[in-house]
Amino acid sequence: MSAFEPVRYAALTDVGVKRSHNQDACAAQPAVDEAGFQTCGHIFVVADGMGGHAVGEKASAKAVRDIPFLYLKHAREGTAAALRRAFAETNASIHAIGQDNPEFRGLGTTSTALVLRPEGVWVAHVGDSRAYRIRDGQAEQLTFDHSWVWEIARRQGVDPDELGDIKRNVIIRSLGPDPEVEVDIEGPHPVKPGDAFLLCSDGLTGVVSPQEIGAVVTALPPEEAVRLLVHMANLRGGPDNITVVVVRVPGDGSAGAPPSKSRPGLLRRLLAAWNRLVPWPFTALLLGSILALVSLGLRVLEAPGSLGLFVVAAVVILVGLVGLIRHVRQESPEGAAPESETPRPLNVYKRGDCTVTRDVIRKFTELETALVNGLNGQDIGIDWEGHAKLAAAAAAAAENPDPIVGFRARCQSLLFLAEALHRLRAKGESFRPNW
């Protein structure tokens, strides 16, 4: 994604079924133009607060407010350095609140930030909120859970799922409890047209599998995907707050995304490749020097135009010198050595097959059937006729040779029913399904 295109995304947070307050928070700050994309990129953040409802809400809200602001403030220092400073300064300010106010002792929050830039995707991470990349039928977890069970699994060299539920909810790293925090910075992960990225709190991953998450994100546009995933978590008991952010890279393979721009011409691609290898101030100095030599040759040959060409050369060299000074200052802000922006080893901590198959359609059909059976006989005023039309369309679409067509129709039928139930749940908490 080297050129700027408006990115398609959606974000949703929900209190869940069992909790009375939502301690989750999320934020999105996409670039609005080419200059903003080249300098900063698109940034998305999720946070899951801890420490009692008032304390947790305060910590997560501060994290999603401060991290994007501080990242943009320091973006010219380099992506990794800016993310590290944004998390460190946010951690320090949350910690200070806890130290200065006894009623806020113990406040903290997880936080995961994703930055989509021309060179790829960067992820900064503290806690057990997760980032996934969904590509080619694979749901790839790009973050390491800072939890007791994941740390024990790492030391023993086993899959965390093999350890069961022992201390699964114990977080060993978060923003706020300590004056300093270690932040995982990963990137740049390469990006292809049609890639989708998902950020979420553990309220989603605790009850919805990565395979189900990847299938839904593959089949549905972001706006529908976040709603269905939140509803699925609630249908399975909603034991925690749920936050989901889906970001889709424009291009082929995206569900409902606008078509990507045409490929740039050969000359433009060559210029872009040259500019990546040689910063533009050096190119200006080289060009100015060549023009100066040509003007000198014209002067020796007493040919016309030597003086004008010399003036142009001087201007180009001056622009190059000014650009070089700015480039050096940006590379070493306030005299400090910048953090390396060169590609580093990239980690995918877990992979899961999320290919949409007939078996996946069958599982979602069974989920919808269970929901219908649970709602039958309940006097809650659902539009059964409207649902019947969508269910019939889903049954017909299941015959399509492309499984995604049938799965998308089934998801939309399930979403219709789940949203009807959600509207009723929002009015009264007496009906709490656990399917």
Protein backbone atom coordinates (compact mmCIF):
# COMPACT_ATOMS: atom_id res chain seq x y z
CA MET A 1 0.00 0.00 0.00
CA SER A 2 2.55 2.56 -1.18
CA ALA A 3 0.02 5.16 -2.38
CA PHE A 4 -2.67 6.83 -0.28
CA GLU A 5 -6.16 5.40 -0.49
CA PRO A 6 -8.97 5.97 2.03
CA VAL A 7 -8.93 2.85 4.17
CA ARG A 8 -12.15 1.06 5.01
CA TYR A 9 -12.59 0.28 8.70
CA ALA A 10 -15.17 -0.17 11.43
CA ALA A 11 -14.98 -0.20 15.23
CA LEU A 12 -17.45 -1.33 17.87
CA THR A 13 -17.34 -1.78 21.64
CA ASP A 14 -20.04 -3.40 23.77
CA VAL A 15 -20.52 -3.94 27.49
CA GLY A 16 -21.37 -7.62 27.01
CA VAL A 17 -24.04 -9.56 28.91
CA LYS A 18 -22.51 -10.14 32.34
CA ARG A 19 -20.80 -6.80 33.08
CA SER A 20 -22.53 -3.62 34.23
CA HIS A 21 -19.86 -1.21 32.91
CA ASN A 22 -17.75 -1.14 29.79
CA GLN A 23 -14.04 -0.85 30.60
CA ASP A 24 -13.02 -1.31 26.95
CA ALA A 25 -12.30 1.54 24.57
CA CYS A 26 -11.13 1.98 20.98
CA ALA A 27 -10.08 4.77 18.64
CA ALA A 28 -9.36 5.24 14.93
CA GLN A 29 -7.41 8.08 13.37
CA PRO A 30 -6.99 7.47 9.63
CA ALA A 31 -4.89 9.78 7.49
CA VAL A 32 -6.96 12.19 5.42
CA ASP A 33 -4.51 12.89 2.60
CA GLU A 34 -1.31 11.70 0.91
CA ALA A 35 0.98 13.81 3.10
CA GLY A 36 -0.55 12.48 6.30
CA PHE A 37 -0.35 8.90 5.07
CA GLN A 38 3.30 9.19 4.05
CA THR A 39 4.30 10.86 7.31
CA CYS A 40 2.11 9.09 9.88
CA GLY A 41 -0.19 6.53 8.28
CA HIS A 42 -3.51 5.29 9.66
CA ILE A 43 -3.56 4.44 13.38
CA PHE A 44 -6.05 2.27 15.28
CA VAL A 45 -6.05 1.43 19.01
CA VAL A 46 -7.95 -0.86 21.39
CA ALA A 47 -7.65 -0.95 25.20
CA ASP A 48 -9.12 -3.11 27.96
CA GLY A 49 -9.14 -1.38 31.36
CA MET A 50 -8.57 -3.06 34.73
CA GLY A 51 -9.04 -2.10 38.36
CA GLY A 52 -12.75 -1.65 39.03
CA HIS A 53 -15.26 -0.12 36.67
CA ALA A 54 -14.48 3.58 37.24
CA VAL A 55 -10.75 2.98 37.33
CA GLY A 56 -10.67 0.65 34.33
CA GLU A 57 -12.80 2.96 32.23
CA LYS A 58 -10.53 5.89 33.03
CA ALA A 59 -7.34 4.00 32.11
CA SER A 60 -8.61 2.60 28.80
CA ALA A 61 -10.17 5.91 27.74
CA LYS A 62 -6.89 7.71 28.42
CA ALA A 63 -4.92 5.11 26.50
CA VAL A 64 -6.98 5.35 23.31
CA ARG A 65 -6.98 9.14 23.52
CA ASP A 66 -3.28 9.67 24.28
CA ILE A 67 -1.55 6.98 22.21
CA PRO A 68 -2.70 8.26 18.77
CA PHE A 69 -1.99 11.87 19.76
CA LEU A 70 1.50 11.10 21.06
CA TYR A 71 2.31 8.86 18.10
CA LEU A 72 1.40 11.64 15.66
CA LYS A 73 3.43 14.09 17.73
CA HIS A 74 6.57 11.96 17.46
CA ALA A 75 5.93 10.37 14.04
CA ARG A 76 8.84 12.14 12.35
CA GLU A 77 11.23 10.32 14.65
CA GLY A 78 10.34 7.03 12.94
CA THR A 79 7.41 4.67 13.39
CA ALA A 80 8.96 2.34 15.98
CA ALA A 81 10.39 5.19 18.04
CA ALA A 82 7.13 7.15 17.91
CA LEU A 83 5.07 4.16 19.02
CA ARG A 84 7.49 3.37 21.84
CA ARG A 85 7.40 6.95 23.10
CA ALA A 86 3.61 7.11 22.80
CA PHE A 87 3.17 3.98 24.95
CA ALA A 88 5.86 5.02 27.45
CA GLU A 89 4.40 8.49 27.98
CA THR A 90 0.85 7.12 28.22
CA ASN A 91 2.00 4.56 30.78
CA ALA A 92 3.72 7.28 32.83
CA SER A 93 0.62 9.48 32.88
CA ILE A 94 -1.71 6.60 33.85
CA HIS A 95 0.74 5.55 36.58
CA ALA A 96 0.85 9.12 37.91
CA ILE A 97 -2.95 9.17 38.22
CA GLY A 98 -2.82 6.03 40.33
CA GLN A 99 -0.08 7.43 42.53
CA ASP A 100 -1.78 10.78 43.09
CA ASN A 101 -5.29 9.44 43.76
CA PRO A 102 -5.77 6.66 46.34
CA GLU A 103 -9.19 5.80 44.88
CA PHE A 104 -7.49 5.01 41.54
CA ARG A 105 -4.79 2.71 42.91
CA GLY A 106 -4.37 -0.34 40.72
CA LEU A 107 -5.72 1.20 37.55
CA GLY A 108 -4.27 -0.19 34.37
CA THR A 109 -5.14 -1.15 30.85
CA THR A 110 -4.01 -3.36 28.04
CA SER A 111 -3.48 -1.65 24.71
CA THR A 112 -2.76 -2.71 21.15
CA ALA A 113 -2.11 -0.20 18.37
CA LEU A 114 -1.91 -0.86 14.65
CA VAL A 115 -0.36 1.62 12.22
CA LEU A 116 -0.88 1.14 8.48
CA ARG A 117 1.86 2.94 6.54
CA PRO A 118 3.31 2.86 2.99
CA GLU A 119 5.94 0.27 3.97
CA GLY A 120 3.48 -2.02 5.78
CA VAL A 121 1.79 -2.53 9.13
CA TRP A 122 3.32 -1.84 12.54
CA VAL A 123 1.93 -3.24 15.78
CA ALA A 124 2.64 -1.96 19.30
CA HIS A 125 1.33 -4.06 22.14
CA VAL A 126 1.05 -4.38 25.92
CA GLY A 127 -1.31 -6.90 27.55
CA ASP A 128 -3.60 -9.55 26.06
CA SER A 129 -5.67 -7.56 23.57
CA ARG A 130 -4.78 -8.97 20.17
CA ALA A 131 -4.00 -8.05 16.56
CA TYR A 132 -4.70 -10.44 13.70
CA ARG A 133 -3.97 -10.39 9.98
CA ILE A 134 -6.51 -12.27 7.84
CA ARG A 135 -5.04 -13.28 4.50
CA ASP A 136 -5.55 -16.15 2.04
CA GLY A 137 -7.64 -18.24 4.42
CA GLN A 138 -5.30 -17.80 7.38
CA ALA A 139 -5.94 -15.92 10.63
CA GLU A 140 -2.47 -14.89 11.86
CA GLN A 141 -1.99 -13.61 15.41
CA LEU A 142 0.59 -10.79 15.31
CA THR A 143 0.78 -10.22 19.09
CA PHE A 144 2.05 -12.25 22.03
CA ASP A 145 -0.37 -12.35 24.97
CA HIS A 146 1.33 -10.87 28.04
CA SER A 147 -0.47 -13.33 30.29
CA TRP A 148 0.66 -15.93 32.78
CA VAL A 149 -0.43 -18.88 30.63
CA TRP A 150 1.32 -17.59 27.48
CA GLU A 151 4.53 -16.93 29.38
CA ILE A 152 4.53 -20.43 30.91
CA ALA A 153 3.79 -21.90 27.46
CA ARG A 154 6.71 -19.96 25.99
CA ARG A 155 9.09 -21.27 28.63
CA GLN A 156 7.89 -24.85 28.16
CA GLY A 157 7.82 -24.59 24.36
CA VAL A 158 4.19 -25.65 24.06
CA ASP A 159 0.97 -24.18 22.64
CA PRO A 160 -0.84 -22.03 25.25
CA ASP A 161 -4.07 -23.90 24.47
CA GLU A 162 -2.46 -27.09 25.80
CA LEU A 163 -2.29 -25.60 29.32
CA GLY A 164 -6.05 -25.26 29.75
CA ASP A 165 -7.55 -22.39 31.74
CA ILE A 166 -4.89 -22.21 34.46
CA LYS A 167 -4.35 -18.50 35.27
CA ARG A 168 -5.50 -17.64 31.75
CA ASN A 169 -6.85 -14.24 32.83
CA VAL A 170 -3.75 -13.21 34.82
CA ILE A 171 -2.03 -10.34 32.98
CA ILE A 172 1.70 -9.88 33.61
CA ARG A 173 2.16 -6.62 31.67
CA SER A 174 -0.10 -3.59 31.26
CA LEU A 175 -0.08 0.20 31.11
CA GLY A 176 -0.33 1.98 34.46
CA PRO A 177 0.69 -0.26 37.38
CA ASP A 178 4.44 0.43 37.07
CA PRO A 179 6.36 3.64 36.28
CA GLU A 180 7.92 1.98 33.22
CA VAL A 181 6.65 -0.67 30.84
CA GLU A 182 8.16 -2.85 28.13
CA VAL A 183 6.37 -2.46 24.80
CA ASP A 184 6.42 -5.03 22.01
CA ILE A 185 6.98 -3.32 18.64
CA GLU A 186 6.58 -5.47 15.52
CA GLY A 187 6.84 -4.40 11.90
CA PRO A 188 6.64 -3.57 9.17
CA HIS A 189 4.49 -6.57 8.30
CA PRO A 190 4.03 -6.66 4.50
CA VAL A 191 0.61 -5.75 3.17
CA LYS A 192 -1.24 -7.08 0.12
CA PRO A 193 -4.42 -5.73 -1.49
CA GLY A 194 -7.41 -7.30 0.23
CA ASP A 195 -5.61 -7.95 3.54
CA ALA A 196 -7.73 -7.41 6.62
CA PHE A 197 -6.48 -6.62 10.13
CA LEU A 198 -8.44 -7.07 13.34
CA LEU A 199 -7.80 -5.62 16.80
CA CYS A 200 -9.85 -6.92 19.71
CA SER A 201 -10.07 -7.28 23.46
CA ASP A 202 -10.14 -10.70 25.10
CA GLY A 203 -13.91 -10.42 25.44
CA LEU A 204 -14.04 -11.56 21.81
CA THR A 205 -11.25 -14.14 21.66
CA GLY A 206 -12.37 -15.74 24.92
CA VAL A 207 -15.55 -17.09 23.30
CA VAL A 208 -15.11 -16.76 19.51
CA SER A 209 -12.34 -18.76 17.84
CA PRO A 210 -9.75 -17.20 15.49
CA GLN A 211 -11.07 -19.46 12.72
CA GLU A 212 -14.60 -18.04 13.13
CA ILE A 213 -13.22 -14.52 13.37
CA GLY A 214 -11.22 -14.91 10.18
CA ALA A 215 -14.14 -16.40 8.26
CA VAL A 216 -16.48 -13.54 9.23
CA VAL A 217 -13.91 -10.85 8.39
CA THR A 218 -13.19 -12.54 5.06
CA ALA A 219 -16.82 -12.69 4.00
CA LEU A 220 -18.31 -9.44 5.30
CA PRO A 221 -17.46 -5.76 4.92
CA PRO A 222 -15.97 -4.25 8.11
CA GLU A 223 -19.20 -2.58 9.24
CA GLU A 224 -21.10 -5.88 9.26
CA ALA A 225 -18.15 -7.97 10.49
CA VAL A 226 -17.67 -6.02 13.74
CA ARG A 227 -21.38 -6.18 14.54
CA LEU A 228 -21.68 -9.90 13.92
CA LEU A 229 -18.55 -10.71 15.94
CA VAL A 230 -19.79 -8.70 18.92
CA HIS A 231 -23.20 -10.41 18.71
CA MET A 232 -21.58 -13.84 18.52
CA ALA A 233 -19.65 -13.13 21.72
CA ASN A 234 -22.87 -12.02 23.42
CA LEU A 235 -24.77 -15.07 22.18
CA ARG A 236 -22.12 -17.21 23.86
CA GLY A 237 -22.71 -15.58 27.19
CA GLY A 238 -20.97 -12.22 26.78
CA PRO A 239 -18.89 -12.77 29.95
CA ASP A 240 -16.70 -9.72 29.34
CA ASN A 241 -16.69 -6.40 27.54
CA ILE A 242 -16.15 -6.83 23.80
CA THR A 243 -14.27 -4.51 21.45
CA VAL A 244 -13.55 -5.17 17.76
CA VAL A 245 -11.80 -3.03 15.14
CA VAL A 246 -11.55 -4.28 11.53
CA VAL A 247 -9.34 -2.56 8.95
CA ARG A 248 -9.36 -3.64 5.32
CA VAL A 249 -6.66 -2.75 2.81
CA PRO A 250 -8.21 -1.58 -0.49
CA GLY A 251 -7.76 -3.85 -3.46
CA ASP A 252 -8.77 -7.22 -4.89
CA GLY A 253 -10.23 -9.70 -2.46
CA SER A 254 -11.86 -7.23 -0.11
CA ALA A 255 -15.50 -7.80 0.78
CA GLY A 256 -17.47 -4.77 -0.30
CA ALA A 257 -14.44 -2.48 -0.52
CA PRO A 258 -14.10 0.09 -3.31
CA PRO A 259 -11.87 -0.92 -6.24
CA SER A 260 -8.21 -0.05 -5.98
CA LYS A 261 -6.55 2.52 -8.18
CA SER A 262 -4.83 1.49 -11.37
CA ARG A 263 -1.18 0.55 -11.19
CA PRO A 264 1.16 3.52 -11.68
CA GLY A 265 3.23 3.78 -14.84
CA LEU A 266 6.79 2.48 -15.23
CA LEU A 267 8.39 5.91 -14.87
CA ARG A 268 6.49 6.64 -11.67
CA ARG A 269 7.44 3.26 -10.20
CA LEU A 270 11.10 3.81 -11.08
CA LEU A 271 11.06 7.25 -9.47
CA ALA A 272 9.41 5.86 -6.34
CA ALA A 273 12.01 3.07 -6.13
CA TRP A 274 14.85 5.58 -6.56
CA ASN A 275 13.39 7.84 -3.86
CA ARG A 276 13.24 4.92 -1.43
CA LEU A 277 16.94 4.20 -2.02
CA VAL A 278 18.21 7.79 -2.21
CA PRO A 279 16.59 10.57 -0.13
CA TRP A 280 15.45 13.45 -2.30
CA PRO A 281 17.95 16.03 -0.89
CA PHE A 282 20.85 13.92 -2.25
CA THR A 283 19.09 13.67 -5.60
CA ALA A 284 18.69 17.47 -5.68
CA LEU A 285 22.38 17.99 -4.85
CA LEU A 286 23.40 15.55 -7.58
CA LEU A 287 21.11 17.19 -10.14
CA GLY A 288 22.32 20.67 -9.17
CA SER A 289 25.95 19.61 -9.53
CA ILE A 290 25.28 18.18 -13.00
CA LEU A 291 23.54 21.38 -14.08
CA ALA A 292 26.46 23.44 -12.75
CA LEU A 293 28.95 21.36 -14.76
CA VAL A 294 26.82 21.73 -17.90
CA SER A 295 26.64 25.51 -17.39
CA LEU A 296 30.41 25.59 -16.97
CA GLY A 297 30.81 23.68 -20.26
CA LEU A 298 28.50 26.13 -22.00
CA ARG A 299 30.55 28.98 -20.56
CA VAL A 300 33.80 27.49 -21.92
CA LEU A 301 32.22 26.99 -25.32
CA GLU A 302 30.79 30.53 -25.13
CA ALA A 303 27.37 29.09 -25.89
CA PRO A 304 24.22 31.03 -24.89
CA GLY A 305 22.25 30.10 -21.77
CA SER A 306 25.18 29.34 -19.45
CA LEU A 307 24.26 32.08 -16.94
CA GLY A 308 20.59 31.06 -16.69
CA LEU A 309 21.50 27.42 -16.30
CA PHE A 310 24.00 28.32 -13.56
CA VAL A 311 21.26 30.20 -11.64
CA VAL A 312 18.96 27.16 -11.91
CA ALA A 313 21.78 24.90 -10.69
CA ALA A 314 22.43 27.18 -7.71
CA VAL A 315 18.74 27.15 -6.74
CA VAL A 316 18.54 23.34 -6.99
CA ILE A 317 21.71 22.95 -4.88
CA LEU A 318 20.34 25.38 -2.28
CA VAL A 319 17.05 23.45 -2.08
CA GLY A 320 19.04 20.22 -1.69
CA LEU A 321 21.12 21.68 1.14
CA VAL A 322 18.02 22.88 3.00
CA GLY A 323 16.40 19.47 2.54
CA LEU A 324 19.56 17.74 3.73
CA ILE A 325 19.62 19.80 6.94
CA ARG A 326 15.98 18.95 7.63
CA HIS A 327 16.61 15.29 6.83
CA VAL A 328 19.49 15.12 9.32
CA ARG A 329 17.39 16.81 12.01
CA GLN A 330 14.52 14.38 11.47
CA GLU A 331 16.85 11.40 11.63
CA SER A 332 18.33 12.59 14.93
CA PRO A 333 15.66 14.47 16.90
CA GLU A 334 16.98 16.46 19.88
CA GLY A 335 20.40 14.93 19.34
CA ALA A 336 19.22 11.36 20.00
CA ALA A 337 19.97 8.45 17.70
CA PRO A 338 16.82 7.28 15.94
CA GLU A 339 15.51 3.77 16.36
CA SER A 340 16.25 1.59 13.35
CA GLU A 341 13.47 1.49 10.77
CA THR A 342 15.03 -1.34 8.79
CA PRO A 343 12.93 -4.50 8.44
CA ARG A 344 13.37 -6.86 11.38
CA PRO A 345 12.37 -10.49 11.96
CA LEU A 346 8.57 -10.63 11.99
CA ASN A 347 6.61 -12.88 14.33
CA VAL A 348 3.33 -14.63 13.70
CA TYR A 349 2.58 -16.22 17.06
CA LYS A 350 -0.31 -18.45 15.99
CA ARG A 351 -1.96 -19.38 12.71
CA GLY A 352 -5.38 -20.82 12.15
CA ASP A 353 -7.15 -21.95 9.00
CA CYS A 354 -10.15 -19.68 8.46
CA THR A 355 -11.04 -20.77 4.93
CA VAL A 356 -14.76 -20.50 4.30
CA THR A 357 -15.94 -24.06 3.63
CA ARG A 358 -19.26 -25.90 3.60
CA ASP A 359 -18.47 -27.10 7.10
CA VAL A 360 -18.10 -23.52 8.33
CA ILE A 361 -21.47 -22.64 6.76
CA ARG A 362 -23.02 -25.64 8.51
CA LYS A 363 -21.69 -24.51 11.92
CA PHE A 364 -23.10 -21.01 11.49
CA THR A 365 -26.39 -22.47 10.30
CA GLU A 366 -26.52 -24.57 13.48
CA LEU A 367 -25.81 -21.45 15.56
CA GLU A 368 -28.69 -19.63 13.88
CA THR A 369 -30.99 -22.63 14.33
CA ALA A 370 -30.17 -22.75 18.04
CA LEU A 371 -30.91 -19.05 18.31
CA VAL A 372 -34.25 -19.47 16.53
CA ASN A 373 -35.20 -22.39 18.78
CA GLY A 374 -34.27 -20.40 21.86
CA LEU A 375 -36.34 -17.41 20.79
CA ASN A 376 -39.42 -19.35 19.72
CA GLY A 377 -42.15 -18.95 22.26
CA GLN A 378 -40.55 -15.82 23.73
CA ASP A 379 -42.86 -12.82 23.61
CA ILE A 380 -40.20 -10.36 22.43
CA GLY A 381 -41.60 -9.11 19.12
CA ILE A 382 -39.02 -10.21 16.54
CA ASP A 383 -39.76 -9.66 12.83
CA TRP A 384 -39.92 -13.34 11.93
CA GLU A 385 -41.15 -12.63 8.42
CA GLY A 386 -38.14 -10.48 7.65
CA HIS A 387 -35.84 -13.13 9.05
CA ALA A 388 -37.56 -15.86 7.03
CA LYS A 389 -36.77 -14.03 3.79
CA LEU A 390 -33.09 -13.73 4.71
CA ALA A 391 -32.94 -17.37 5.82
CA ALA A 392 -34.48 -18.47 2.50
CA ALA A 393 -31.95 -16.35 0.59
CA ALA A 394 -29.14 -17.95 2.62
CA ALA A 395 -30.44 -21.44 1.84
CA ALA A 396 -30.52 -20.61 -1.87
CA ALA A 397 -27.05 -19.03 -1.78
CA ALA A 398 -25.66 -22.19 -0.17
CA GLU A 399 -25.98 -23.85 -3.60
CA ASN A 400 -23.55 -21.34 -5.12
CA PRO A 401 -20.23 -22.94 -6.15
CA ASP A 402 -18.38 -20.23 -4.22
CA PRO A 403 -18.78 -21.00 -0.49
CA ILE A 404 -18.19 -17.35 0.45
CA VAL A 405 -21.44 -16.36 -1.28
CA GLY A 406 -23.44 -18.81 0.81
CA PHE A 407 -21.56 -17.97 4.00
CA ARG A 408 -22.08 -14.23 3.53
CA ALA A 409 -25.83 -14.74 3.10
CA ARG A 410 -25.94 -16.97 6.20
CA CYS A 411 -24.03 -14.38 8.24
CA GLN A 412 -26.46 -11.66 7.17
CA SER A 413 -29.42 -13.80 8.20
CA LEU A 414 -27.81 -14.52 11.57
CA LEU A 415 -26.91 -10.85 11.98
CA PHE A 416 -30.53 -9.78 11.42
CA LEU A 417 -31.75 -12.04 14.20
CA ALA A 418 -28.89 -11.18 16.58
CA GLU A 419 -29.43 -7.45 16.15
CA ALA A 420 -33.14 -7.81 16.85
CA LEU A 421 -32.26 -9.62 20.06
CA HIS A 422 -29.65 -6.98 20.92
CA ARG A 423 -32.18 -4.16 20.58
CA LEU A 424 -34.48 -5.96 22.98
CA ARG A 425 -31.63 -6.70 25.38
CA ALA A 426 -30.70 -3.03 25.43
CA LYS A 427 -34.22 -2.20 26.69
CA GLY A 428 -34.24 -4.84 29.38
CA GLU A 429 -31.65 -7.24 30.76
CA SER A 430 -34.10 -10.01 31.74
CA PHE A 431 -33.40 -12.23 28.70
CA ARG A 432 -29.75 -13.37 28.60
CA PRO A 433 -29.03 -16.20 26.17
CA ASN A 434 -25.98 -18.44 26.49
CA TRP A 435 -25.86 -20.31 23.17
